[in-house]
Amino acid sequence: MIKLINSREFGQNIQKIRLSRGLTQEQTVAGLQLLGSPISRSTYSLIETGKGNVFVSDLVGLKKLFNVDYDEFFKGIPTSR
């Protein structure tokens, strides 16, 4: 399984997108689970706060669920480390 490193900006972007779609964390997790992800709400919450890693497969699921381009997840993230 491939994971992305956690990032506060990345998590904030996901949260903004979720809220713009009018979804709760529970609804988002339920949607991901329907797509085959075993993610829990607590794990998803860690991703939004920038404290948890996200699986690439969950990022693909979020793209489908939110109906956005991948660029939306990475807005404002600096290229320097």
PDB file of N, CA and C in Angstrom:
ATOM      1  N   MET A   1       0.825  -1.175   0.000  1.00  0.00           N
ATOM      2  CA  MET A   1       0.000   0.000   0.000  1.00  0.00           C
ATOM      3  C   MET A   1       0.874   1.244   0.000  1.00  0.00           C
ATOM      4  N   ILE A   2       0.538   2.197  -0.839  1.00  0.00           N
ATOM      5  CA  ILE A   2       1.290   3.434  -0.944  1.00  0.00           C
ATOM      6  C   ILE A   2       0.564   4.517  -0.168  1.00  0.00           C
ATOM      7  N   LYS A   3       1.329   5.265   0.632  1.00  0.00           N
ATOM      8  CA  LYS A   3       0.761   6.368   1.413  1.00  0.00           C
ATOM      9  C   LYS A   3       1.431   7.671   1.002  1.00  0.00           C
ATOM     10  N   LEU A   4       0.712   8.763   1.182  1.00  0.00           N
ATOM     11  CA  LEU A   4       1.278  10.095   1.063  1.00  0.00           C
ATOM     12  C   LEU A   4       1.623  10.572   2.456  1.00  0.00           C
ATOM     13  N   ILE A   5       2.638  11.393   2.541  1.00  0.00           N
ATOM     14  CA  ILE A   5       2.997  11.951   3.835  1.00  0.00           C
ATOM     15  C   ILE A   5       1.927  12.952   4.266  1.00  0.00           C
ATOM     16  N   ASN A   6       1.737  13.042   5.557  1.00  0.00           N
ATOM     17  CA  ASN A   6       0.735  13.972   6.068  1.00  0.00           C
ATOM     18  C   ASN A   6       1.180  15.413   5.862  1.00  0.00           C
ATOM     19  N   SER A   7       0.206  16.304   5.752  1.00  0.00           N
ATOM     20  CA  SER A   7       0.468  17.718   5.534  1.00  0.00           C
ATOM     21  C   SER A   7      -0.724  18.518   6.025  1.00  0.00           C
ATOM     22  N   ARG A   8      -0.442  19.546   6.806  1.00  0.00           N
ATOM     23  CA  ARG A   8      -1.510  20.391   7.327  1.00  0.00           C
ATOM     24  C   ARG A   8      -2.273  21.056   6.185  1.00  0.00           C
ATOM     25  N   GLU A   9      -1.553  21.571   5.192  1.00  0.00           N
ATOM     26  CA  GLU A   9      -2.201  22.235   4.057  1.00  0.00           C
ATOM     27  C   GLU A   9      -3.056  21.256   3.256  1.00  0.00           C
ATOM     28  N   PHE A  10      -2.548  20.065   3.057  1.00  0.00           N
ATOM     29  CA  PHE A  10      -3.286  19.030   2.334  1.00  0.00           C
ATOM     30  C   PHE A  10      -4.587  18.719   3.070  1.00  0.00           C
ATOM     31  N   GLY A  11      -4.497  18.532   4.379  1.00  0.00           N
ATOM     32  CA  GLY A  11      -5.679  18.246   5.187  1.00  0.00           C
ATOM     33  C   GLY A  11      -6.688  19.381   5.148  1.00  0.00           C
ATOM     34  N   GLN A  12      -6.194  20.613   5.211  1.00  0.00           N
ATOM     35  CA  GLN A  12      -7.091  21.768   5.145  1.00  0.00           C
ATOM     36  C   GLN A  12      -7.800  21.825   3.795  1.00  0.00           C
ATOM     37  N   ASN A  13      -7.079  21.503   2.727  1.00  0.00           N
ATOM     38  CA  ASN A  13      -7.693  21.487   1.397  1.00  0.00           C
ATOM     39  C   ASN A  13      -8.807  20.449   1.325  1.00  0.00           C
ATOM     40  N   ILE A  14      -8.548  19.262   1.851  1.00  0.00           N
ATOM     41  CA  ILE A  14      -9.571  18.210   1.836  1.00  0.00           C
ATOM     42  C   ILE A  14     -10.793  18.653   2.645  1.00  0.00           C
ATOM     43  N   GLN A  15     -10.542  19.255   3.791  1.00  0.00           N
ATOM     44  CA  GLN A  15     -11.656  19.717   4.622  1.00  0.00           C
ATOM     45  C   GLN A  15     -12.481  20.779   3.892  1.00  0.00           C
ATOM     46  N   LYS A  16     -11.821  21.738   3.252  1.00  0.00           N
ATOM     47  CA  LYS A  16     -12.529  22.789   2.518  1.00  0.00           C
ATOM     48  C   LYS A  16     -13.390  22.197   1.402  1.00  0.00           C
ATOM     49  N   ILE A  17     -12.828  21.242   0.688  1.00  0.00           N
ATOM     50  CA  ILE A  17     -13.573  20.607  -0.404  1.00  0.00           C
ATOM     51  C   ILE A  17     -14.786  19.867   0.160  1.00  0.00           C
ATOM     52  N   ARG A  18     -14.561  19.111   1.234  1.00  0.00           N
ATOM     53  CA  ARG A  18     -15.667  18.351   1.852  1.00  0.00           C
ATOM     54  C   ARG A  18     -16.791  19.283   2.292  1.00  0.00           C
ATOM     55  N   LEU A  19     -16.418  20.361   2.963  1.00  0.00           N
ATOM     56  CA  LEU A  19     -17.418  21.306   3.445  1.00  0.00           C
ATOM     57  C   LEU A  19     -18.145  21.989   2.287  1.00  0.00           C
ATOM     58  N   SER A  20     -17.421  22.273   1.203  1.00  0.00           N
ATOM     59  CA  SER A  20     -18.058  22.902   0.044  1.00  0.00           C
ATOM     60  C   SER A  20     -19.069  21.971  -0.621  1.00  0.00           C
ATOM     61  N   ARG A  21     -18.914  20.678  -0.400  1.00  0.00           N
ATOM     62  CA  ARG A  21     -19.857  19.689  -0.934  1.00  0.00           C
ATOM     63  C   ARG A  21     -20.998  19.403   0.042  1.00  0.00           C
ATOM     64  N   GLY A  22     -20.928  20.024   1.220  1.00  0.00           N
ATOM     65  CA  GLY A  22     -21.981  19.850   2.220  1.00  0.00           C
ATOM     66  C   GLY A  22     -21.961  18.485   2.886  1.00  0.00           C
ATOM     67  N   LEU A  23     -20.782  17.887   2.966  1.00  0.00           N
ATOM     68  CA  LEU A  23     -20.656  16.547   3.544  1.00  0.00           C
ATOM     69  C   LEU A  23     -20.044  16.603   4.936  1.00  0.00           C
ATOM     70  N   THR A  24     -20.499  15.731   5.805  1.00  0.00           N
ATOM     71  CA  THR A  24     -19.865  15.548   7.107  1.00  0.00           C
ATOM     72  C   THR A  24     -18.716  14.558   6.938  1.00  0.00           C
ATOM     73  N   GLN A  25     -17.882  14.459   7.958  1.00  0.00           N
ATOM     74  CA  GLN A  25     -16.825  13.445   7.919  1.00  0.00           C
ATOM     75  C   GLN A  25     -17.440  12.054   7.831  1.00  0.00           C
ATOM     76  N   GLU A  26     -18.522  11.832   8.556  1.00  0.00           N
ATOM     77  CA  GLU A  26     -19.178  10.518   8.552  1.00  0.00           C
ATOM     78  C   GLU A  26     -19.683  10.163   7.151  1.00  0.00           C
ATOM     79  N   GLN A  27     -20.283  11.137   6.467  1.00  0.00           N
ATOM     80  CA  GLN A  27     -20.785  10.888   5.109  1.00  0.00           C
ATOM     81  C   GLN A  27     -19.635  10.622   4.142  1.00  0.00           C
ATOM     82  N   THR A  28     -18.548  11.355   4.318  1.00  0.00           N
ATOM     83  CA  THR A  28     -17.384  11.168   3.459  1.00  0.00           C
ATOM     84  C   THR A  28     -16.794   9.783   3.655  1.00  0.00           C
ATOM     85  N   VAL A  29     -16.639   9.382   4.901  1.00  0.00           N
ATOM     86  CA  VAL A  29     -16.102   8.052   5.206  1.00  0.00           C
ATOM     87  C   VAL A  29     -17.028   6.966   4.672  1.00  0.00           C
ATOM     88  N   ALA A  30     -18.332   7.147   4.825  1.00  0.00           N
ATOM     89  CA  ALA A  30     -19.292   6.163   4.302  1.00  0.00           C
ATOM     90  C   ALA A  30     -19.151   6.033   2.793  1.00  0.00           C
ATOM     91  N   GLY A  31     -18.962   7.168   2.108  1.00  0.00           N
ATOM     92  CA  GLY A  31     -18.764   7.128   0.663  1.00  0.00           C
ATOM     93  C   GLY A  31     -17.488   6.398   0.278  1.00  0.00           C
ATOM     94  N   LEU A  32     -16.420   6.649   1.021  1.00  0.00           N
ATOM     95  CA  LEU A  32     -15.162   5.945   0.755  1.00  0.00           C
ATOM     96  C   LEU A  32     -15.305   4.449   1.016  1.00  0.00           C
ATOM     97  N   GLN A  33     -16.019   4.103   2.060  1.00  0.00           N
ATOM     98  CA  GLN A  33     -16.233   2.688   2.379  1.00  0.00           C
ATOM     99  C   GLN A  33     -17.034   2.003   1.288  1.00  0.00           C
ATOM    100  N   LEU A  34     -18.007   2.700   0.712  1.00  0.00           N
ATOM    101  CA  LEU A  34     -18.768   2.121  -0.412  1.00  0.00           C
ATOM    102  C   LEU A  34     -17.870   1.877  -1.615  1.00  0.00           C
ATOM    103  N   LEU A  35     -16.806   2.672  -1.721  1.00  0.00           N
ATOM    104  CA  LEU A  35     -15.848   2.490  -2.815  1.00  0.00           C
ATOM    105  C   LEU A  35     -14.793   1.423  -2.483  1.00  0.00           C
ATOM    106  N   GLY A  36     -14.878   0.850  -1.285  1.00  0.00           N
ATOM    107  CA  GLY A  36     -13.984  -0.248  -0.919  1.00  0.00           C
ATOM    108  C   GLY A  36     -12.906   0.083   0.084  1.00  0.00           C
ATOM    109  N   SER A  37     -12.883   1.300   0.602  1.00  0.00           N
ATOM    110  CA  SER A  37     -11.869   1.678   1.584  1.00  0.00           C
ATOM    111  C   SER A  37     -12.290   1.218   2.980  1.00  0.00           C
ATOM    112  N   PRO A  38     -11.327   0.719   3.774  1.00  0.00           N
ATOM    113  CA  PRO A  38     -11.641   0.353   5.155  1.00  0.00           C
ATOM    114  C   PRO A  38     -11.430   1.515   6.131  1.00  0.00           C
ATOM    115  N   ILE A  39     -11.318   2.730   5.646  1.00  0.00           N
ATOM    116  CA  ILE A  39     -11.004   3.895   6.477  1.00  0.00           C
ATOM    117  C   ILE A  39     -12.075   4.119   7.551  1.00  0.00           C
ATOM    118  N   SER A  40     -11.629   4.568   8.717  1.00  0.00           N
ATOM    119  CA  SER A  40     -12.554   4.908   9.805  1.00  0.00           C
ATOM    120  C   SER A  40     -12.678   6.428   9.886  1.00  0.00           C
ATOM    121  N   ARG A  41     -13.672   6.901  10.622  1.00  0.00           N
ATOM    122  CA  ARG A  41     -13.839   8.335  10.776  1.00  0.00           C
ATOM    123  C   ARG A  41     -12.673   8.942  11.541  1.00  0.00           C
ATOM    124  N   SER A  42     -12.175   8.231  12.528  1.00  0.00           N
ATOM    125  CA  SER A  42     -11.054   8.770  13.305  1.00  0.00           C
ATOM    126  C   SER A  42      -9.790   8.891  12.444  1.00  0.00           C
ATOM    127  N   THR A  43      -9.557   7.938  11.568  1.00  0.00           N
ATOM    128  CA  THR A  43      -8.417   8.014  10.657  1.00  0.00           C
ATOM    129  C   THR A  43      -8.598   9.166   9.681  1.00  0.00           C
ATOM    130  N   TYR A  44      -9.814   9.303   9.157  1.00  0.00           N
ATOM    131  CA  TYR A  44     -10.094  10.401   8.232  1.00  0.00           C
ATOM    132  C   TYR A  44      -9.883  11.749   8.920  1.00  0.00           C
ATOM    133  N   SER A  45     -10.310  11.859  10.168  1.00  0.00           N
ATOM    134  CA  SER A  45     -10.144  13.087  10.932  1.00  0.00           C
ATOM    135  C   SER A  45      -8.667  13.452  11.065  1.00  0.00           C
ATOM    136  N   LEU A  46      -7.824  12.462  11.298  1.00  0.00           N
ATOM    137  CA  LEU A  46      -6.381  12.701  11.398  1.00  0.00           C
ATOM    138  C   LEU A  46      -5.826  13.248  10.091  1.00  0.00           C
ATOM    139  N   ILE A  47      -6.333  12.767   8.962  1.00  0.00           N
ATOM    140  CA  ILE A  47      -5.887  13.260   7.653  1.00  0.00           C
ATOM    141  C   ILE A  47      -6.243  14.734   7.513  1.00  0.00           C
ATOM    142  N   GLU A  48      -7.469  15.100   7.869  1.00  0.00           N
ATOM    143  CA  GLU A  48      -7.904  16.495   7.742  1.00  0.00           C
ATOM    144  C   GLU A  48      -7.118  17.427   8.655  1.00  0.00           C
ATOM    145  N   THR A  49      -6.661  16.940   9.787  1.00  0.00           N
ATOM    146  CA  THR A  49      -5.888  17.786  10.698  1.00  0.00           C
ATOM    147  C   THR A  49      -4.399  17.783  10.375  1.00  0.00           C
ATOM    148  N   GLY A  50      -4.001  17.022   9.366  1.00  0.00           N
ATOM    149  CA  GLY A  50      -2.599  16.966   8.968  1.00  0.00           C
ATOM    150  C   GLY A  50      -1.757  16.082   9.843  1.00  0.00           C
ATOM    151  N   LYS A  51      -2.399  15.250  10.657  1.00  0.00           N
ATOM    152  CA  LYS A  51      -1.676  14.366  11.573  1.00  0.00           C
ATOM    153  C   LYS A  51      -1.650  12.924  11.107  1.00  0.00           C
ATOM    154  N   GLY A  52      -2.349  12.617  10.032  1.00  0.00           N
ATOM    155  CA  GLY A  52      -2.410  11.242   9.549  1.00  0.00           C
ATOM    156  C   GLY A  52      -2.051  11.146   8.082  1.00  0.00           C
ATOM    157  N   ASN A  53      -1.530  10.020   7.708  1.00  0.00           N
ATOM    158  CA  ASN A  53      -1.206   9.757   6.305  1.00  0.00           C
ATOM    159  C   ASN A  53      -2.455   9.325   5.555  1.00  0.00           C
ATOM    160  N   VAL A  54      -2.444   9.545   4.255  1.00  0.00           N
ATOM    161  CA  VAL A  54      -3.562   9.123   3.422  1.00  0.00           C
ATOM    162  C   VAL A  54      -3.042   8.095   2.412  1.00  0.00           C
ATOM    163  N   PHE A  55      -3.783   7.023   2.234  1.00  0.00           N
ATOM    164  CA  PHE A  55      -3.450   6.048   1.206  1.00  0.00           C
ATOM    165  C   PHE A  55      -3.785   6.640  -0.159  1.00  0.00           C
ATOM    166  N   VAL A  56      -2.951   6.361  -1.133  1.00  0.00           N
ATOM    167  CA  VAL A  56      -3.200   6.839  -2.490  1.00  0.00           C
ATOM    168  C   VAL A  56      -4.568   6.369  -2.970  1.00  0.00           C
ATOM    169  N   SER A  57      -4.943   5.149  -2.638  1.00  0.00           N
ATOM    170  CA  SER A  57      -6.256   4.631  -3.051  1.00  0.00           C
ATOM    171  C   SER A  57      -7.391   5.453  -2.431  1.00  0.00           C
ATOM    172  N   ASP A  58      -7.200   5.963  -1.203  1.00  0.00           N
ATOM    173  CA  ASP A  58      -8.220   6.820  -0.596  1.00  0.00           C
ATOM    174  C   ASP A  58      -8.261   8.186  -1.285  1.00  0.00           C
ATOM    175  N   LEU A  59      -7.111   8.671  -1.738  1.00  0.00           N
ATOM    176  CA  LEU A  59      -7.090   9.926  -2.478  1.00  0.00           C
ATOM    177  C   LEU A  59      -7.861   9.775  -3.788  1.00  0.00           C
ATOM    178  N   VAL A  60      -7.702   8.648  -4.442  1.00  0.00           N
ATOM    179  CA  VAL A  60      -8.466   8.366  -5.664  1.00  0.00           C
ATOM    180  C   VAL A  60      -9.958   8.349  -5.341  1.00  0.00           C
ATOM    181  N   GLY A  61     -10.310   7.727  -4.221  1.00  0.00           N
ATOM    182  CA  GLY A  61     -11.707   7.688  -3.795  1.00  0.00           C
ATOM    183  C   GLY A  61     -12.254   9.067  -3.485  1.00  0.00           C
ATOM    184  N   LEU A  62     -11.458   9.897  -2.819  1.00  0.00           N
ATOM    185  CA  LEU A  62     -11.891  11.258  -2.512  1.00  0.00           C
ATOM    186  C   LEU A  62     -12.098  12.068  -3.784  1.00  0.00           C
ATOM    187  N   LYS A  63     -11.226  11.872  -4.755  1.00  0.00           N
ATOM    188  CA  LYS A  63     -11.386  12.561  -6.043  1.00  0.00           C
ATOM    189  C   LYS A  63     -12.726  12.205  -6.675  1.00  0.00           C
ATOM    190  N   LYS A  64     -13.058  10.924  -6.647  1.00  0.00           N
ATOM    191  CA  LYS A  64     -14.338  10.475  -7.207  1.00  0.00           C
ATOM    192  C   LYS A  64     -15.515  11.006  -6.384  1.00  0.00           C
ATOM    193  N   LEU A  65     -15.412  10.890  -5.090  1.00  0.00           N
ATOM    194  CA  LEU A  65     -16.487  11.301  -4.197  1.00  0.00           C
ATOM    195  C   LEU A  65     -16.760  12.806  -4.275  1.00  0.00           C
ATOM    196  N   PHE A  66     -15.694  13.605  -4.307  1.00  0.00           N
ATOM    197  CA  PHE A  66     -15.833  15.054  -4.338  1.00  0.00           C
ATOM    198  C   PHE A  66     -15.990  15.601  -5.759  1.00  0.00           C
ATOM    199  N   ASN A  67     -15.671  14.775  -6.752  1.00  0.00           N
ATOM    200  CA  ASN A  67     -15.751  15.182  -8.158  1.00  0.00           C
ATOM    201  C   ASN A  67     -14.888  16.425  -8.424  1.00  0.00           C
ATOM    202  N   VAL A  68     -13.602  16.316  -8.068  1.00  0.00           N
ATOM    203  CA  VAL A  68     -12.650  17.408  -8.265  1.00  0.00           C
ATOM    204  C   VAL A  68     -11.415  16.882  -8.983  1.00  0.00           C
ATOM    205  N   ASP A  69     -10.614  17.806  -9.490  1.00  0.00           N
ATOM    206  CA  ASP A  69      -9.317  17.454 -10.054  1.00  0.00           C
ATOM    207  C   ASP A  69      -8.322  17.285  -8.904  1.00  0.00           C
ATOM    208  N   TYR A  70      -7.277  16.511  -9.124  1.00  0.00           N
ATOM    209  CA  TYR A  70      -6.272  16.307  -8.086  1.00  0.00           C
ATOM    210  C   TYR A  70      -5.634  17.620  -7.648  1.00  0.00           C
ATOM    211  N   ASP A  71      -5.537  18.586  -8.555  1.00  0.00           N
ATOM    212  CA  ASP A  71      -4.936  19.877  -8.216  1.00  0.00           C
ATOM    213  C   ASP A  71      -5.592  20.512  -6.989  1.00  0.00           C
ATOM    214  N   GLU A  72      -6.878  20.286  -6.812  1.00  0.00           N
ATOM    215  CA  GLU A  72      -7.605  20.882  -5.688  1.00  0.00           C
ATOM    216  C   GLU A  72      -7.043  20.431  -4.338  1.00  0.00           C
ATOM    217  N   PHE A  73      -6.530  19.213  -4.279  1.00  0.00           N
ATOM    218  CA  PHE A  73      -5.987  18.684  -3.025  1.00  0.00           C
ATOM    219  C   PHE A  73      -4.650  19.338  -2.648  1.00  0.00           C
ATOM    220  N   PHE A  74      -3.946  19.861  -3.646  1.00  0.00           N
ATOM    221  CA  PHE A  74      -2.578  20.330  -3.428  1.00  0.00           C
ATOM    222  C   PHE A  74      -2.422  21.851  -3.522  1.00  0.00           C
ATOM    223  N   LYS A  75      -3.519  22.593  -3.561  1.00  0.00           N
ATOM    224  CA  LYS A  75      -3.459  24.059  -3.636  1.00  0.00           C
ATOM    225  C   LYS A  75      -2.723  24.631  -2.435  1.00  0.00           C
ATOM    226  N   GLY A  76      -1.800  25.552  -2.724  1.00  0.00           N
ATOM    227  CA  GLY A  76      -1.101  26.270  -1.661  1.00  0.00           C
ATOM    228  C   GLY A  76      -0.024  25.489  -0.948  1.00  0.00           C
ATOM    229  N   ILE A  77       0.261  24.283  -1.400  1.00  0.00           N
ATOM    230  CA  ILE A  77       1.316  23.498  -0.752  1.00  0.00           C
ATOM    231  C   ILE A  77       2.645  23.873  -1.394  1.00  0.00           C
ATOM    232  N   PRO A  78       3.596  24.344  -0.593  1.00  0.00           N
ATOM    233  CA  PRO A  78       4.887  24.759  -1.152  1.00  0.00           C
ATOM    234  C   PRO A  78       5.681  23.576  -1.703  1.00  0.00           C
ATOM    235  N   THR A  79       6.501  23.852  -2.684  1.00  0.00           N
ATOM    236  CA  THR A  79       7.314  22.800  -3.279  1.00  0.00           C
ATOM    237  C   THR A  79       8.579  22.530  -2.468  1.00  0.00           C
ATOM    238  N   SER A  80       8.954  23.465  -1.599  1.00  0.00           N
ATOM    239  CA  SER A  80      10.128  23.250  -0.760  1.00  0.00           C
ATOM    240  C   SER A  80       9.752  22.451   0.480  1.00  0.00           C
ATOM    241  N   ARG A  81      10.706  21.753   1.043  1.00  0.00           N
ATOM    242  CA  ARG A  81      10.446  20.927   2.232  1.00  0.00           C
ATOM    243  C   ARG A  81      10.746  21.660   3.493  1.00  0.00           C
TER     244      ARG A  81
END
